[in-house]
PDB file of all heavy atoms in Angstrom:
ATOM      1  N   LEU A   1     -17.589  19.583   7.272  1.00  0.00           N
ATOM      2  CA  LEU A   1     -17.358  18.963   8.585  1.00  0.00           C
ATOM      3  C   LEU A   1     -17.938  17.518   8.687  1.00  0.00           C
ATOM      4  O   LEU A   1     -17.469  16.814   9.535  1.00  0.00           O
ATOM      5  CB  LEU A   1     -18.005  19.936   9.642  1.00  0.00           C
ATOM      6  CG  LEU A   1     -19.492  20.166   9.748  1.00  0.00           C
ATOM      7  CD1 LEU A   1     -20.267  18.972  10.285  1.00  0.00           C
ATOM      8  CD2 LEU A   1     -19.861  21.471  10.484  1.00  0.00           C
ATOM      9  N   LYS A   2     -18.723  17.188   7.784  1.00  0.00           N
ATOM     10  CA  LYS A   2     -19.261  15.806   7.765  1.00  0.00           C
ATOM     11  C   LYS A   2     -18.104  14.798   7.479  1.00  0.00           C
ATOM     12  O   LYS A   2     -18.265  13.639   7.845  1.00  0.00           O
ATOM     13  CB  LYS A   2     -20.306  15.610   6.768  1.00  0.00           C
ATOM     14  CG  LYS A   2     -21.693  16.309   7.060  1.00  0.00           C
ATOM     15  CD  LYS A   2     -22.805  16.007   6.177  1.00  0.00           C
ATOM     16  CE  LYS A   2     -24.044  16.552   6.634  1.00  0.00           C
ATOM     17  NZ  LYS A   2     -25.264  16.105   5.727  1.00  0.00           N
ATOM     18  N   ALA A   3     -16.962  15.296   6.860  1.00  0.00           N
ATOM     19  CA  ALA A   3     -15.865  14.321   6.730  1.00  0.00           C
ATOM     20  C   ALA A   3     -15.308  13.933   8.104  1.00  0.00           C
ATOM     21  O   ALA A   3     -14.759  12.840   8.168  1.00  0.00           O
ATOM     22  CB  ALA A   3     -14.745  15.102   6.010  1.00  0.00           C
ATOM     23  N   LEU A   4     -15.540  14.798   9.031  1.00  0.00           N
ATOM     24  CA  LEU A   4     -14.874  14.531  10.340  1.00  0.00           C
ATOM     25  C   LEU A   4     -15.923  13.983  11.357  1.00  0.00           C
ATOM     26  O   LEU A   4     -15.571  13.399  12.348  1.00  0.00           O
ATOM     27  CB  LEU A   4     -14.330  15.874  10.873  1.00  0.00           C
ATOM     28  CG  LEU A   4     -13.559  16.639   9.984  1.00  0.00           C
ATOM     29  CD1 LEU A   4     -13.194  18.023  10.483  1.00  0.00           C
ATOM     30  CD2 LEU A   4     -12.282  15.850   9.469  1.00  0.00           C
ATOM     31  N   THR A   5     -17.200  14.130  11.131  1.00  0.00           N
ATOM     32  CA  THR A   5     -18.197  13.737  12.004  1.00  0.00           C
ATOM     33  C   THR A   5     -19.003  12.484  11.501  1.00  0.00           C
ATOM     34  O   THR A   5     -19.848  11.966  12.446  1.00  0.00           O
ATOM     35  CB  THR A   5     -19.069  14.874  12.444  1.00  0.00           C
ATOM     36  OG1 THR A   5     -19.805  15.305  11.189  1.00  0.00           O
ATOM     37  CG2 THR A   5     -18.343  16.070  13.020  1.00  0.00           C
ATOM     38  N   GLU A   6     -18.968  12.102  10.391  1.00  0.00           N
ATOM     39  CA  GLU A   6     -19.795  10.966   9.856  1.00  0.00           C
ATOM     40  C   GLU A   6     -18.873  10.006   9.171  1.00  0.00           C
ATOM     41  O   GLU A   6     -17.619  10.244   8.902  1.00  0.00           O
ATOM     42  CB  GLU A   6     -20.932  11.534   8.848  1.00  0.00           C
ATOM     43  CG  GLU A   6     -21.800  12.412   9.521  1.00  0.00           C
ATOM     44  CD  GLU A   6     -22.961  12.899   8.599  1.00  0.00           C
ATOM     45  OE1 GLU A   6     -23.072  12.222   7.493  1.00  0.00           O
ATOM     46  OE2 GLU A   6     -23.690  13.782   8.963  1.00  0.00           O
ATOM     47  N   GLY A   7     -19.351   8.787   8.641  1.00  0.00           N
ATOM     48  CA  GLY A   7     -18.731   7.884   7.942  1.00  0.00           C
ATOM     49  C   GLY A   7     -18.094   6.786   8.655  1.00  0.00           C
ATOM     50  O   GLY A   7     -17.282   6.048   8.248  1.00  0.00           O
ATOM     51  N   ALA A   8     -18.442   6.570   9.978  1.00  0.00           N
ATOM     52  CA  ALA A   8     -17.823   5.576  10.801  1.00  0.00           C
ATOM     53  C   ALA A   8     -17.996   4.158  10.202  1.00  0.00           C
ATOM     54  O   ALA A   8     -17.071   3.331  10.324  1.00  0.00           O
ATOM     55  CB  ALA A   8     -18.516   5.512  12.218  1.00  0.00           C
ATOM     56  N   GLU A   9     -18.998   4.001   9.384  1.00  0.00           N
ATOM     57  CA  GLU A   9     -19.257   2.631   8.759  1.00  0.00           C
ATOM     58  C   GLU A   9     -18.167   2.262   7.737  1.00  0.00           C
ATOM     59  O   GLU A   9     -17.910   1.186   7.348  1.00  0.00           O
ATOM     60  CB  GLU A   9     -20.573   2.564   8.060  1.00  0.00           C
ATOM     61  CG  GLU A   9     -20.751   3.508   6.812  1.00  0.00           C
ATOM     62  CD  GLU A   9     -21.197   4.929   7.239  1.00  0.00           C
ATOM     63  OE1 GLU A   9     -21.143   5.302   8.399  1.00  0.00           O
ATOM     64  OE2 GLU A   9     -21.505   5.696   6.292  1.00  0.00           O
ATOM     65  N   ASP A  10     -17.423   3.355   7.229  1.00  0.00           N
ATOM     66  CA  ASP A  10     -16.388   3.081   6.311  1.00  0.00           C
ATOM     67  C   ASP A  10     -14.994   3.136   6.840  1.00  0.00           C
ATOM     68  O   ASP A  10     -14.075   2.884   6.139  1.00  0.00           O
ATOM     69  CB  ASP A  10     -16.520   4.097   5.151  1.00  0.00           C
ATOM     70  CG  ASP A  10     -17.649   3.812   4.210  1.00  0.00           C
ATOM     71  OD1 ASP A  10     -17.840   2.495   3.927  1.00  0.00           O
ATOM     72  OD2 ASP A  10     -18.392   4.676   3.739  1.00  0.00           O
ATOM     73  N   THR A  11     -14.794   3.518   7.989  1.00  0.00           N
ATOM     74  CA  THR A  11     -13.438   3.655   8.695  1.00  0.00           C
ATOM     75  C   THR A  11     -12.957   2.211   8.934  1.00  0.00           C
ATOM     76  O   THR A  11     -13.645   1.219   9.292  1.00  0.00           O
ATOM     77  CB  THR A  11     -13.419   4.397   9.969  1.00  0.00           C
ATOM     78  OG1 THR A  11     -14.293   3.930  10.888  1.00  0.00           O
ATOM     79  CG2 THR A  11     -13.758   5.867   9.697  1.00  0.00           C
ATOM     80  N   TYR A  12     -11.652   1.962   8.719  1.00  0.00           N
ATOM     81  CA  TYR A  12     -11.121   0.707   8.738  1.00  0.00           C
ATOM     82  C   TYR A  12      -9.609   0.715   9.113  1.00  0.00           C
ATOM     83  O   TYR A  12      -8.931   1.620   8.594  1.00  0.00           O
ATOM     84  CB  TYR A  12     -11.317  -0.105   7.392  1.00  0.00           C
ATOM     85  CG  TYR A  12     -10.744  -1.474   7.288  1.00  0.00           C
ATOM     86  CD1 TYR A  12     -11.303  -2.666   7.878  1.00  0.00           C
ATOM     87  CD2 TYR A  12      -9.634  -1.694   6.492  1.00  0.00           C
ATOM     88  CE1 TYR A  12     -10.760  -3.769   7.939  1.00  0.00           C
ATOM     89  CE2 TYR A  12      -9.037  -2.978   6.429  1.00  0.00           C
ATOM     90  CZ  TYR A  12      -9.592  -3.939   7.114  1.00  0.00           C
ATOM     91  OH  TYR A  12      -9.145  -5.262   7.072  1.00  0.00           O
ATOM     92  N   ALA A  13      -9.185  -0.208   9.845  1.00  0.00           N
ATOM     93  CA  ALA A  13      -7.812  -0.213  10.268  1.00  0.00           C
ATOM     94  C   ALA A  13      -6.925  -0.866   9.222  1.00  0.00           C
ATOM     95  O   ALA A  13      -6.406  -1.970   9.557  1.00  0.00           O
ATOM     96  CB  ALA A  13      -7.577  -0.790  11.639  1.00  0.00           C
ATOM     97  N   GLY A  14      -6.758  -0.366   8.070  1.00  0.00           N
ATOM     98  CA  GLY A  14      -6.021  -0.961   6.988  1.00  0.00           C
ATOM     99  C   GLY A  14      -4.551  -1.067   7.272  1.00  0.00           C
ATOM    100  O   GLY A  14      -3.853  -1.908   6.721  1.00  0.00           O
ATOM    101  N   TRP A  15      -4.085  -0.363   8.347  1.00  0.00           N
ATOM    102  CA  TRP A  15      -2.610  -0.410   8.770  1.00  0.00           C
ATOM    103  C   TRP A  15      -2.402  -1.781   9.345  1.00  0.00           C
ATOM    104  O   TRP A  15      -1.142  -2.032   9.630  1.00  0.00           O
ATOM    105  CB  TRP A  15      -2.404   0.762   9.749  1.00  0.00           C
ATOM    106  CG  TRP A  15      -3.385   1.003  10.763  1.00  0.00           C
ATOM    107  CD1 TRP A  15      -4.473   1.874  10.702  1.00  0.00           C
ATOM    108  CD2 TRP A  15      -3.506   0.401  12.096  1.00  0.00           C
ATOM    109  NE1 TRP A  15      -5.202   1.810  11.899  1.00  0.00           N
ATOM    110  CE2 TRP A  15      -4.617   0.933  12.725  1.00  0.00           C
ATOM    111  CE3 TRP A  15      -2.714  -0.504  12.680  1.00  0.00           C
ATOM    112  CZ2 TRP A  15      -5.064   0.566  13.965  1.00  0.00           C
ATOM    113  CZ3 TRP A  15      -3.103  -0.949  14.031  1.00  0.00           C
ATOM    114  CH2 TRP A  15      -4.213  -0.331  14.665  1.00  0.00           C
ATOM    115  N   MET A  16      -3.379  -2.527   9.526  1.00  0.00           N
ATOM    116  CA  MET A  16      -3.045  -3.952  10.103  1.00  0.00           C
ATOM    117  C   MET A  16      -2.936  -4.942   8.928  1.00  0.00           C
ATOM    118  O   MET A  16      -2.483  -6.137   9.115  1.00  0.00           O
ATOM    119  CB  MET A  16      -4.242  -4.460  10.981  1.00  0.00           C
ATOM    120  CG  MET A  16      -4.314  -3.714  12.367  1.00  0.00           C
ATOM    121  SD  MET A  16      -2.815  -4.215  13.405  1.00  0.00           S
ATOM    122  CE  MET A  16      -3.118  -5.965  13.612  1.00  0.00           C
ATOM    123  N   ASP A  17      -3.218  -4.476   7.654  1.00  0.00           N
ATOM    124  CA  ASP A  17      -3.334  -5.403   6.628  1.00  0.00           C
ATOM    125  C   ASP A  17      -2.060  -5.418   5.768  1.00  0.00           C
ATOM    126  O   ASP A  17      -1.782  -6.364   4.999  1.00  0.00           O
ATOM    127  CB  ASP A  17      -4.538  -5.076   5.700  1.00  0.00           C
ATOM    128  CG  ASP A  17      -5.806  -5.460   6.384  1.00  0.00           C
ATOM    129  OD1 ASP A  17      -5.889  -6.054   7.417  1.00  0.00           O
ATOM    130  OD2 ASP A  17      -6.911  -5.157   5.896  1.00  0.00           O
ATOM    131  N   VAL A  18      -1.372  -4.281   5.700  1.00  0.00           N
ATOM    132  CA  VAL A  18      -0.158  -4.173   4.930  1.00  0.00           C
ATOM    133  C   VAL A  18       0.900  -3.503   5.686  1.00  0.00           C
ATOM    134  O   VAL A  18       0.670  -2.758   6.723  1.00  0.00           O
ATOM    135  CB  VAL A  18      -0.448  -3.262   3.673  1.00  0.00           C
ATOM    136  CG1 VAL A  18      -1.343  -4.205   2.629  1.00  0.00           C
ATOM    137  CG2 VAL A  18      -1.081  -2.056   4.025  1.00  0.00           C
ATOM    138  N   PRO A  19       2.190  -3.583   5.205  1.00  0.00           N
ATOM    139  CA  PRO A  19       3.271  -2.914   5.960  1.00  0.00           C
ATOM    140  C   PRO A  19       3.006  -1.328   5.766  1.00  0.00           C
ATOM    141  O   PRO A  19       2.577  -0.903   4.785  1.00  0.00           O
ATOM    142  CB  PRO A  19       4.517  -3.294   5.178  1.00  0.00           C
ATOM    143  CG  PRO A  19       4.143  -4.558   4.322  1.00  0.00           C
ATOM    144  CD  PRO A  19       2.624  -4.465   4.148  1.00  0.00           C
ATOM    145  N   VAL A  20       3.386  -0.566   6.846  1.00  0.00           N
ATOM    146  CA  VAL A  20       3.329   0.837   6.861  1.00  0.00           C
ATOM    147  C   VAL A  20       4.621   1.428   7.069  1.00  0.00           C
ATOM    148  O   VAL A  20       5.405   0.963   8.018  1.00  0.00           O
ATOM    149  CB  VAL A  20       2.315   1.302   8.038  1.00  0.00           C
ATOM    150  CG1 VAL A  20       2.277   2.769   8.059  1.00  0.00           C
ATOM    151  CG2 VAL A  20       0.872   0.741   7.766  1.00  0.00           C
ATOM    152  N   TRP A  21       5.006   2.369   6.315  1.00  0.00           N
ATOM    153  CA  TRP A  21       6.240   3.206   6.660  1.00  0.00           C
ATOM    154  C   TRP A  21       5.784   4.586   6.980  1.00  0.00           C
ATOM    155  O   TRP A  21       4.804   5.156   6.379  1.00  0.00           O
ATOM    156  CB  TRP A  21       7.071   3.272   5.442  1.00  0.00           C
ATOM    157  CG  TRP A  21       8.119   2.120   5.328  1.00  0.00           C
ATOM    158  CD1 TRP A  21       7.847   0.833   5.321  1.00  0.00           C
ATOM    159  CD2 TRP A  21       9.403   2.267   5.184  1.00  0.00           C
ATOM    160  NE1 TRP A  21       8.930   0.148   5.174  1.00  0.00           N
ATOM    161  CE2 TRP A  21       9.975   0.909   5.119  1.00  0.00           C
ATOM    162  CE3 TRP A  21      10.356   3.319   5.019  1.00  0.00           C
ATOM    163  CZ2 TRP A  21      11.348   0.624   4.884  1.00  0.00           C
ATOM    164  CZ3 TRP A  21      11.798   3.094   4.757  1.00  0.00           C
ATOM    165  CH2 TRP A  21      12.249   1.707   4.757  1.00  0.00           C
ATOM    166  N   TYR A  22       6.278   5.091   8.210  1.00  0.00           N
ATOM    167  CA  TYR A  22       5.753   6.269   8.734  1.00  0.00           C
ATOM    168  C   TYR A  22       6.754   7.346   8.748  1.00  0.00           C
ATOM    169  O   TYR A  22       7.888   7.066   9.270  1.00  0.00           O
ATOM    170  CB  TYR A  22       5.197   5.967  10.137  1.00  0.00           C
ATOM    171  CG  TYR A  22       4.510   7.250  10.792  1.00  0.00           C
ATOM    172  CD1 TYR A  22       3.218   7.424  10.527  1.00  0.00           C
ATOM    173  CD2 TYR A  22       5.229   8.042  11.606  1.00  0.00           C
ATOM    174  CE1 TYR A  22       2.506   8.543  11.034  1.00  0.00           C
ATOM    175  CE2 TYR A  22       4.524   9.081  12.204  1.00  0.00           C
ATOM    176  CZ  TYR A  22       3.195   9.389  11.938  1.00  0.00           C
ATOM    177  OH  TYR A  22       2.449  10.414  12.451  1.00  0.00           O
ATOM    178  N   LEU A  23       6.582   8.568   8.252  1.00  0.00           N
ATOM    179  CA  LEU A  23       7.467   9.652   8.397  1.00  0.00           C
ATOM    180  C   LEU A  23       7.006  10.599   9.387  1.00  0.00           C
ATOM    181  O   LEU A  23       5.972  11.341   9.241  1.00  0.00           O
ATOM    182  CB  LEU A  23       7.549  10.345   6.903  1.00  0.00           C
ATOM    183  CG  LEU A  23       8.601  11.524   6.841  1.00  0.00           C
ATOM    184  CD1 LEU A  23      10.078  10.977   6.982  1.00  0.00           C
ATOM    185  CD2 LEU A  23       8.443  12.234   5.490  1.00  0.00           C
ATOM    186  N   ALA A  24       7.775  10.562  10.547  1.00  0.00           N
ATOM    187  CA  ALA A  24       7.447  11.460  11.682  1.00  0.00           C
ATOM    188  C   ALA A  24       7.954  12.839  11.473  1.00  0.00           C
ATOM    189  O   ALA A  24       9.224  12.911  11.207  1.00  0.00           O
ATOM    190  CB  ALA A  24       7.870  10.840  12.974  1.00  0.00           C
ATOM    191  N   THR A  25       7.255  13.858  11.635  1.00  0.00           N
ATOM    192  CA  THR A  25       7.663  15.213  11.363  1.00  0.00           C
ATOM    193  C   THR A  25       7.898  15.813  12.822  1.00  0.00           C
ATOM    194  O   THR A  25       7.013  16.144  13.587  1.00  0.00           O
ATOM    195  CB  THR A  25       6.556  16.091  10.701  1.00  0.00           C
ATOM    196  OG1 THR A  25       5.271  15.686  11.298  1.00  0.00           O
ATOM    197  CG2 THR A  25       6.420  15.595   9.218  1.00  0.00           C
ATOM    198  N   THR A  26       9.303  16.035  13.051  1.00  0.00           N
ATOM    199  CA  THR A  26       9.726  16.349  14.476  1.00  0.00           C
ATOM    200  C   THR A  26       9.346  17.775  14.863  1.00  0.00           C
ATOM    201  O   THR A  26       9.293  18.129  16.058  1.00  0.00           O
ATOM    202  CB  THR A  26      11.197  16.111  14.530  1.00  0.00           C
ATOM    203  OG1 THR A  26      11.950  16.959  13.660  1.00  0.00           O
ATOM    204  CG2 THR A  26      11.579  14.699  14.193  1.00  0.00           C
ATOM    205  N   GLU A  27       9.073  18.691  13.801  1.00  0.00           N
ATOM    206  CA  GLU A  27       8.851  20.048  14.224  1.00  0.00           C
ATOM    207  C   GLU A  27       7.401  20.476  14.030  1.00  0.00           C
ATOM    208  O   GLU A  27       7.032  21.629  13.739  1.00  0.00           O
ATOM    209  CB  GLU A  27       9.749  21.091  13.414  1.00  0.00           C
ATOM    210  CG  GLU A  27      11.258  20.649  13.498  1.00  0.00           C
ATOM    211  CD  GLU A  27      11.696  20.827  14.979  1.00  0.00           C
ATOM    212  OE1 GLU A  27      11.339  21.689  15.674  1.00  0.00           O
ATOM    213  OE2 GLU A  27      12.459  19.794  15.370  1.00  0.00           O
ATOM    214  N   ASP A  28       6.533  19.441  14.044  1.00  0.00           N
ATOM    215  CA  ASP A  28       5.073  19.574  13.631  1.00  0.00           C
ATOM    216  C   ASP A  28       4.393  20.397  14.724  1.00  0.00           C
ATOM    217  O   ASP A  28       4.433  20.056  15.921  1.00  0.00           O
ATOM    218  CB  ASP A  28       4.535  18.194  13.482  1.00  0.00           C
ATOM    219  CG  ASP A  28       3.223  18.243  12.668  1.00  0.00           C
ATOM    220  OD1 ASP A  28       2.404  19.075  12.814  1.00  0.00           O
ATOM    221  OD2 ASP A  28       2.993  17.352  11.887  1.00  0.00           O
ATOM    222  N   ARG A  29       3.579  21.379  14.353  1.00  0.00           N
ATOM    223  CA  ARG A  29       2.828  22.146  15.247  1.00  0.00           C
ATOM    224  C   ARG A  29       1.369  21.858  15.195  1.00  0.00           C
ATOM    225  O   ARG A  29       0.499  22.196  16.014  1.00  0.00           O
ATOM    226  CB  ARG A  29       2.891  23.674  14.916  1.00  0.00           C
ATOM    227  CG  ARG A  29       4.426  24.212  15.234  1.00  0.00           C
ATOM    228  CD  ARG A  29       4.501  25.659  14.918  1.00  0.00           C
ATOM    229  NE  ARG A  29       5.864  26.243  15.194  1.00  0.00           N
ATOM    230  CZ  ARG A  29       6.314  27.384  14.922  1.00  0.00           C
ATOM    231  NH1 ARG A  29       5.425  28.286  14.389  1.00  0.00           N
ATOM    232  NH2 ARG A  29       7.499  27.717  15.138  1.00  0.00           N
ATOM    233  N   ALA A  30       0.939  21.106  14.133  1.00  0.00           N
ATOM    234  CA  ALA A  30      -0.524  20.636  14.048  1.00  0.00           C
ATOM    235  C   ALA A  30      -0.675  19.336  14.687  1.00  0.00           C
ATOM    236  O   ALA A  30      -1.787  19.090  15.347  1.00  0.00           O
ATOM    237  CB  ALA A  30      -0.847  20.577  12.520  1.00  0.00           C
ATOM    238  N   LEU A  31       0.224  18.453  14.556  1.00  0.00           N
ATOM    239  CA  LEU A  31       0.214  17.062  15.171  1.00  0.00           C
ATOM    240  C   LEU A  31       1.612  16.932  15.830  1.00  0.00           C
ATOM    241  O   LEU A  31       2.395  16.398  15.157  1.00  0.00           O
ATOM    242  CB  LEU A  31      -0.053  16.022  14.141  1.00  0.00           C
ATOM    243  CG  LEU A  31      -0.301  14.553  14.770  1.00  0.00           C
ATOM    244  CD1 LEU A  31      -1.544  14.474  15.630  1.00  0.00           C
ATOM    245  CD2 LEU A  31      -0.386  13.542  13.672  1.00  0.00           C
ATOM    246  N   PRO A  32       1.782  17.290  17.097  1.00  0.00           N
ATOM    247  CA  PRO A  32       3.033  17.245  17.743  1.00  0.00           C
ATOM    248  C   PRO A  32       3.720  15.918  17.573  1.00  0.00           C
ATOM    249  O   PRO A  32       3.051  14.873  17.652  1.00  0.00           O
ATOM    250  CB  PRO A  32       2.781  17.590  19.159  1.00  0.00           C
ATOM    251  CG  PRO A  32       1.435  18.493  19.130  1.00  0.00           C
ATOM    252  CD  PRO A  32       0.705  17.823  18.037  1.00  0.00           C
ATOM    253  N   PHE A  33       4.997  15.928  17.553  1.00  0.00           N
ATOM    254  CA  PHE A  33       5.780  14.741  17.396  1.00  0.00           C
ATOM    255  C   PHE A  33       5.574  13.739  18.594  1.00  0.00           C
ATOM    256  O   PHE A  33       5.451  12.535  18.140  1.00  0.00           O
ATOM    257  CB  PHE A  33       7.381  15.125  17.504  1.00  0.00           C
ATOM    258  CG  PHE A  33       8.342  14.073  17.396  1.00  0.00           C
ATOM    259  CD1 PHE A  33       8.349  13.145  16.162  1.00  0.00           C
ATOM    260  CD2 PHE A  33       9.302  13.785  18.441  1.00  0.00           C
ATOM    261  CE1 PHE A  33       9.219  12.147  16.135  1.00  0.00           C
ATOM    262  CE2 PHE A  33      10.178  12.686  18.235  1.00  0.00           C
ATOM    263  CZ  PHE A  33      10.102  11.942  17.185  1.00  0.00           C
TER     264      PHE A  33
END
């Protein structure tokens, strides 16, 4: 659970530094479309 509750010092918005391609999963039940 520490993966989810700690480590803020290492999180970074790298999606601003390089192009991102995103595959949206339209039938997703864990992370809705």
